[in-house]
């Protein structure tokens, strides 16, 4: 039962990282660096899955605390996203120029 609950929360929190984090990073990075930075971000995202698998296979079968640690970091990230302003690119696309200027400066 605990594994099902933890898996559920990991799935919900991962959506926020995959969509929100990726889109936000892509909007704040200059065009010439977008592919490199976003690819690097996805590589590190998949490295966490690989390292968790290595931990479970060779270090310890009890990975509950590792998963709880990951869920805690994801939950803190979601709370932190509430304090990040909208990206200038998003505001500009919707003709919200005053807010766009406020975010940039």
N, C-alpha and C. Protein backbone atom coordinates (compact mmCIF):
# COMPACT_ATOMS: atom_id res chain seq x y z
N UNK A 1 0.82 -1.20 0.00
CA UNK A 1 0.00 0.00 0.00
C UNK A 1 0.87 1.26 0.00
N UNK A 2 1.93 1.24 0.82
CA UNK A 2 2.83 2.40 0.89
C UNK A 2 3.52 2.64 -0.46
N UNK A 3 3.91 1.57 -1.12
CA UNK A 3 4.56 1.69 -2.43
C UNK A 3 3.61 2.31 -3.45
N UNK A 4 2.36 1.94 -3.41
CA UNK A 4 1.36 2.50 -4.33
C UNK A 4 1.17 3.99 -4.07
N UNK A 5 1.08 4.37 -2.81
CA UNK A 5 0.91 5.79 -2.46
C UNK A 5 2.12 6.60 -2.89
N UNK A 6 3.32 6.09 -2.61
CA UNK A 6 4.54 6.80 -2.99
C UNK A 6 4.65 6.91 -4.51
N UNK A 7 4.33 5.83 -5.22
CA UNK A 7 4.35 5.88 -6.68
C UNK A 7 3.38 6.89 -7.24
N UNK A 8 2.21 6.99 -6.62
CA UNK A 8 1.22 7.98 -7.04
C UNK A 8 1.75 9.39 -6.90
N UNK A 9 2.34 9.70 -5.73
CA UNK A 9 2.88 11.05 -5.51
C UNK A 9 4.07 11.33 -6.42
N UNK A 10 4.89 10.33 -6.68
CA UNK A 10 6.02 10.55 -7.59
C UNK A 10 5.52 10.88 -9.00
N UNK A 11 4.47 10.21 -9.43
CA UNK A 11 3.92 10.49 -10.75
C UNK A 11 3.35 11.89 -10.85
N UNK A 12 2.61 12.30 -9.84
CA UNK A 12 2.02 13.65 -9.85
C UNK A 12 3.11 14.71 -9.82
N UNK A 13 4.10 14.53 -8.96
CA UNK A 13 5.15 15.53 -8.84
C UNK A 13 6.07 15.56 -10.07
N UNK A 14 6.25 14.42 -10.71
CA UNK A 14 7.11 14.39 -11.89
C UNK A 14 6.51 15.16 -13.06
N UNK A 15 5.20 15.18 -13.15
CA UNK A 15 4.55 15.95 -14.20
C UNK A 15 4.90 17.43 -14.08
N UNK A 16 4.92 17.95 -12.86
CA UNK A 16 5.28 19.34 -12.64
C UNK A 16 6.71 19.64 -13.06
N UNK A 17 7.60 18.73 -12.78
CA UNK A 17 9.00 18.94 -13.16
C UNK A 17 9.16 18.84 -14.67
N UNK A 18 8.59 17.80 -15.25
CA UNK A 18 8.76 17.58 -16.68
C UNK A 18 8.15 18.69 -17.51
N UNK A 19 6.95 19.10 -17.17
CA UNK A 19 6.29 20.14 -17.95
C UNK A 19 6.67 21.54 -17.50
N UNK A 20 6.40 21.84 -16.25
CA UNK A 20 6.64 23.19 -15.75
C UNK A 20 8.10 23.59 -15.77
N UNK A 21 8.96 22.72 -15.26
CA UNK A 21 10.38 23.05 -15.22
C UNK A 21 10.99 23.17 -16.60
N UNK A 22 10.68 22.22 -17.48
CA UNK A 22 11.24 22.23 -18.83
C UNK A 22 10.78 23.46 -19.60
N UNK A 23 9.50 23.76 -19.55
CA UNK A 23 8.97 24.91 -20.28
C UNK A 23 9.53 26.20 -19.73
N UNK A 24 9.61 26.30 -18.41
CA UNK A 24 10.12 27.52 -17.80
C UNK A 24 11.59 27.73 -18.15
N UNK A 25 12.40 26.68 -18.08
CA UNK A 25 13.81 26.82 -18.44
C UNK A 25 13.95 27.21 -19.90
N UNK A 26 13.17 26.61 -20.77
CA UNK A 26 13.26 26.93 -22.19
C UNK A 26 12.90 28.39 -22.48
N UNK A 27 12.02 28.97 -21.69
CA UNK A 27 11.63 30.35 -21.94
C UNK A 27 12.64 31.35 -21.41
N UNK A 28 13.40 31.00 -20.39
CA UNK A 28 14.35 31.94 -19.81
C UNK A 28 15.74 31.89 -20.45
N UNK A 29 16.02 30.86 -21.22
CA UNK A 29 17.34 30.69 -21.81
C UNK A 29 17.36 31.32 -23.20
N UNK A 30 18.50 31.90 -23.56
CA UNK A 30 18.65 32.49 -24.89
C UNK A 30 18.48 31.42 -25.96
N UNK A 31 18.06 31.84 -27.13
CA UNK A 31 17.72 30.91 -28.21
C UNK A 31 18.90 30.02 -28.58
N UNK A 32 20.10 30.58 -28.64
CA UNK A 32 21.25 29.77 -29.07
C UNK A 32 21.62 28.69 -28.05
N UNK A 33 21.18 28.82 -26.79
CA UNK A 33 21.51 27.86 -25.75
C UNK A 33 20.34 26.94 -25.38
N UNK A 34 19.17 27.16 -25.95
CA UNK A 34 17.97 26.40 -25.55
C UNK A 34 18.16 24.89 -25.71
N UNK A 35 18.62 24.45 -26.85
CA UNK A 35 18.77 23.01 -27.08
C UNK A 35 19.76 22.38 -26.11
N UNK A 36 20.87 23.06 -25.86
CA UNK A 36 21.89 22.51 -24.97
C UNK A 36 21.39 22.43 -23.53
N UNK A 37 20.82 23.52 -23.05
CA UNK A 37 20.37 23.56 -21.65
C UNK A 37 19.21 22.60 -21.41
N UNK A 38 18.24 22.59 -22.31
CA UNK A 38 17.09 21.71 -22.13
C UNK A 38 17.48 20.24 -22.26
N UNK A 39 18.39 19.92 -23.16
CA UNK A 39 18.87 18.54 -23.28
C UNK A 39 19.62 18.12 -22.02
N UNK A 40 20.45 19.01 -21.50
CA UNK A 40 21.19 18.72 -20.27
C UNK A 40 20.25 18.51 -19.09
N UNK A 41 19.19 19.30 -19.04
CA UNK A 41 18.20 19.15 -17.98
C UNK A 41 17.51 17.78 -18.06
N UNK A 42 17.17 17.36 -19.25
CA UNK A 42 16.53 16.05 -19.42
C UNK A 42 17.50 14.90 -19.11
N UNK A 43 18.78 15.08 -19.43
CA UNK A 43 19.78 14.06 -19.11
C UNK A 43 19.87 13.89 -17.59
N UNK A 44 19.95 15.00 -16.86
CA UNK A 44 20.03 14.90 -15.40
C UNK A 44 18.74 14.33 -14.80
N UNK A 45 17.63 14.61 -15.43
CA UNK A 45 16.37 14.03 -14.96
C UNK A 45 16.40 12.51 -15.09
N UNK A 46 16.91 12.01 -16.18
CA UNK A 46 16.98 10.56 -16.37
C UNK A 46 18.10 9.94 -15.53
N UNK A 47 19.14 10.71 -15.21
CA UNK A 47 20.19 10.18 -14.34
C UNK A 47 19.65 9.84 -12.96
N UNK A 48 18.66 10.59 -12.49
CA UNK A 48 18.07 10.26 -11.19
C UNK A 48 17.41 8.89 -11.22
N UNK A 49 16.79 8.55 -12.32
CA UNK A 49 16.17 7.22 -12.44
C UNK A 49 17.25 6.14 -12.47
N UNK A 50 18.32 6.38 -13.20
CA UNK A 50 19.41 5.41 -13.28
C UNK A 50 20.07 5.22 -11.92
N UNK A 51 20.34 6.33 -11.22
CA UNK A 51 20.97 6.23 -9.91
C UNK A 51 20.07 5.55 -8.89
N UNK A 52 18.77 5.79 -8.97
CA UNK A 52 17.83 5.10 -8.08
C UNK A 52 17.83 3.60 -8.35
N UNK A 53 17.93 3.22 -9.62
CA UNK A 53 17.98 1.80 -9.97
C UNK A 53 19.25 1.14 -9.45
N UNK A 54 20.37 1.84 -9.58
CA UNK A 54 21.65 1.32 -9.07
C UNK A 54 21.59 1.18 -7.55
N UNK A 55 21.01 2.17 -6.89
CA UNK A 55 20.86 2.11 -5.43
C UNK A 55 20.05 0.89 -5.02
N UNK A 56 18.94 0.67 -5.71
CA UNK A 56 18.06 -0.44 -5.36
C UNK A 56 18.69 -1.80 -5.66
N UNK A 57 19.47 -1.87 -6.74
CA UNK A 57 20.06 -3.15 -7.15
C UNK A 57 21.24 -3.55 -6.27
N UNK A 58 22.17 -2.61 -5.99
CA UNK A 58 23.41 -2.98 -5.34
C UNK A 58 23.62 -2.41 -3.93
N UNK A 59 22.89 -1.39 -3.54
CA UNK A 59 23.13 -0.80 -2.23
C UNK A 59 22.11 -1.28 -1.21
N UNK A 60 20.85 -1.05 -1.47
CA UNK A 60 19.83 -1.44 -0.51
C UNK A 60 18.50 -1.67 -1.21
N UNK A 61 17.80 -2.70 -0.78
CA UNK A 61 16.46 -2.96 -1.34
C UNK A 61 15.42 -2.05 -0.69
N UNK A 62 15.75 -1.50 0.47
CA UNK A 62 14.82 -0.61 1.15
C UNK A 62 15.08 0.82 0.68
N UNK A 63 14.39 1.21 -0.36
CA UNK A 63 14.60 2.54 -0.93
C UNK A 63 13.50 3.52 -0.54
N UNK A 64 12.76 3.18 0.52
CA UNK A 64 11.66 4.04 0.95
C UNK A 64 12.15 5.45 1.27
N UNK A 65 13.25 5.54 2.03
CA UNK A 65 13.74 6.86 2.43
C UNK A 65 14.30 7.63 1.25
N UNK A 66 14.87 6.95 0.30
CA UNK A 66 15.35 7.62 -0.91
C UNK A 66 14.17 8.21 -1.68
N UNK A 67 13.09 7.48 -1.78
CA UNK A 67 11.91 7.95 -2.49
C UNK A 67 11.24 9.09 -1.72
N UNK A 68 11.18 8.97 -0.40
CA UNK A 68 10.59 10.04 0.42
C UNK A 68 11.41 11.31 0.28
N UNK A 69 12.74 11.17 0.23
CA UNK A 69 13.61 12.33 0.01
C UNK A 69 13.31 12.98 -1.34
N UNK A 70 13.16 12.17 -2.38
CA UNK A 70 12.85 12.71 -3.71
C UNK A 70 11.49 13.39 -3.76
N UNK A 71 10.50 12.80 -3.10
CA UNK A 71 9.17 13.41 -3.06
C UNK A 71 9.23 14.73 -2.31
N UNK A 72 9.99 14.77 -1.23
CA UNK A 72 10.12 16.02 -0.46
C UNK A 72 10.74 17.13 -1.31
N UNK A 73 11.79 16.81 -2.04
CA UNK A 73 12.42 17.82 -2.90
C UNK A 73 11.46 18.28 -4.00
N UNK A 74 10.71 17.35 -4.57
CA UNK A 74 9.74 17.73 -5.60
C UNK A 74 8.63 18.61 -5.03
N UNK A 75 8.17 18.29 -3.83
CA UNK A 75 7.13 19.10 -3.21
C UNK A 75 7.65 20.51 -2.91
N UNK A 76 8.89 20.61 -2.43
CA UNK A 76 9.48 21.93 -2.21
C UNK A 76 9.62 22.70 -3.52
N UNK A 77 9.93 22.00 -4.59
CA UNK A 77 10.03 22.65 -5.90
C UNK A 77 8.70 23.20 -6.35
N UNK A 78 7.63 22.44 -6.13
CA UNK A 78 6.31 22.91 -6.51
C UNK A 78 5.93 24.15 -5.71
N UNK A 79 6.26 24.15 -4.42
CA UNK A 79 5.98 25.34 -3.60
C UNK A 79 6.82 26.52 -4.11
N UNK A 80 8.08 26.26 -4.47
CA UNK A 80 8.95 27.33 -4.99
C UNK A 80 8.46 27.91 -6.29
N UNK A 81 7.81 27.11 -7.12
CA UNK A 81 7.30 27.59 -8.40
C UNK A 81 6.24 28.67 -8.20
N UNK A 82 5.53 28.61 -7.09
CA UNK A 82 4.51 29.62 -6.82
C UNK A 82 5.09 31.02 -6.67
N UNK A 83 6.38 31.11 -6.34
CA UNK A 83 7.02 32.40 -6.14
C UNK A 83 7.78 32.91 -7.36
N UNK A 84 7.85 32.10 -8.41
CA UNK A 84 8.53 32.51 -9.64
C UNK A 84 7.54 33.26 -10.52
N UNK A 85 7.92 34.43 -11.03
CA UNK A 85 6.98 35.16 -11.90
C UNK A 85 6.84 34.49 -13.26
N UNK A 86 5.80 34.87 -13.97
CA UNK A 86 5.61 34.35 -15.33
C UNK A 86 6.81 34.76 -16.19
N UNK A 87 7.06 33.97 -17.21
CA UNK A 87 8.19 34.28 -18.08
C UNK A 87 7.84 35.48 -18.97
N UNK A 88 8.84 36.29 -19.31
CA UNK A 88 8.60 37.43 -20.19
C UNK A 88 8.05 37.01 -21.56
N UNK A 89 8.50 35.88 -22.06
CA UNK A 89 8.03 35.42 -23.37
C UNK A 89 6.54 35.12 -23.34
N UNK A 90 6.07 34.50 -22.27
CA UNK A 90 4.64 34.19 -22.12
C UNK A 90 3.83 35.49 -22.04
N UNK A 91 4.27 36.41 -21.22
CA UNK A 91 3.55 37.67 -21.05
C UNK A 91 3.53 38.48 -22.35
N UNK A 92 4.63 38.46 -23.07
CA UNK A 92 4.71 39.19 -24.34
C UNK A 92 3.75 38.60 -25.37
N UNK A 93 3.64 37.28 -25.40
CA UNK A 93 2.75 36.62 -26.36
C UNK A 93 1.29 36.98 -26.13
N UNK A 94 0.93 37.29 -24.89
CA UNK A 94 -0.45 37.64 -24.57
C UNK A 94 -0.64 39.14 -24.40
N UNK A 95 0.29 39.92 -24.95
CA UNK A 95 0.20 41.38 -24.99
C UNK A 95 0.07 42.01 -23.60
N UNK A 96 0.72 41.40 -22.65
CA UNK A 96 0.75 41.96 -21.29
C UNK A 96 2.11 42.63 -21.09
N UNK A 97 2.31 43.73 -21.81
CA UNK A 97 3.62 44.37 -21.91
C UNK A 97 4.08 44.99 -20.59
N UNK A 98 3.18 45.57 -19.84
CA UNK A 98 3.57 46.19 -18.57
C UNK A 98 4.10 45.13 -17.60
N UNK A 99 3.39 44.01 -17.50
CA UNK A 99 3.86 42.92 -16.63
C UNK A 99 5.17 42.33 -17.15
N UNK A 100 5.30 42.27 -18.46
CA UNK A 100 6.54 41.76 -19.06
C UNK A 100 7.72 42.64 -18.67
N UNK A 101 7.54 43.94 -18.75
CA UNK A 101 8.59 44.87 -18.37
C UNK A 101 8.93 44.74 -16.88
N UNK A 102 7.92 44.56 -16.04
CA UNK A 102 8.15 44.42 -14.61
C UNK A 102 8.95 43.16 -14.28
N UNK A 103 8.68 42.08 -15.01
CA UNK A 103 9.41 40.84 -14.76
C UNK A 103 10.88 40.98 -15.21
N UNK A 104 11.09 41.65 -16.32
CA UNK A 104 12.46 41.79 -16.82
C UNK A 104 13.29 42.70 -15.92
N UNK A 105 12.69 43.77 -15.45
CA UNK A 105 13.43 44.72 -14.62
C UNK A 105 13.07 44.50 -13.19
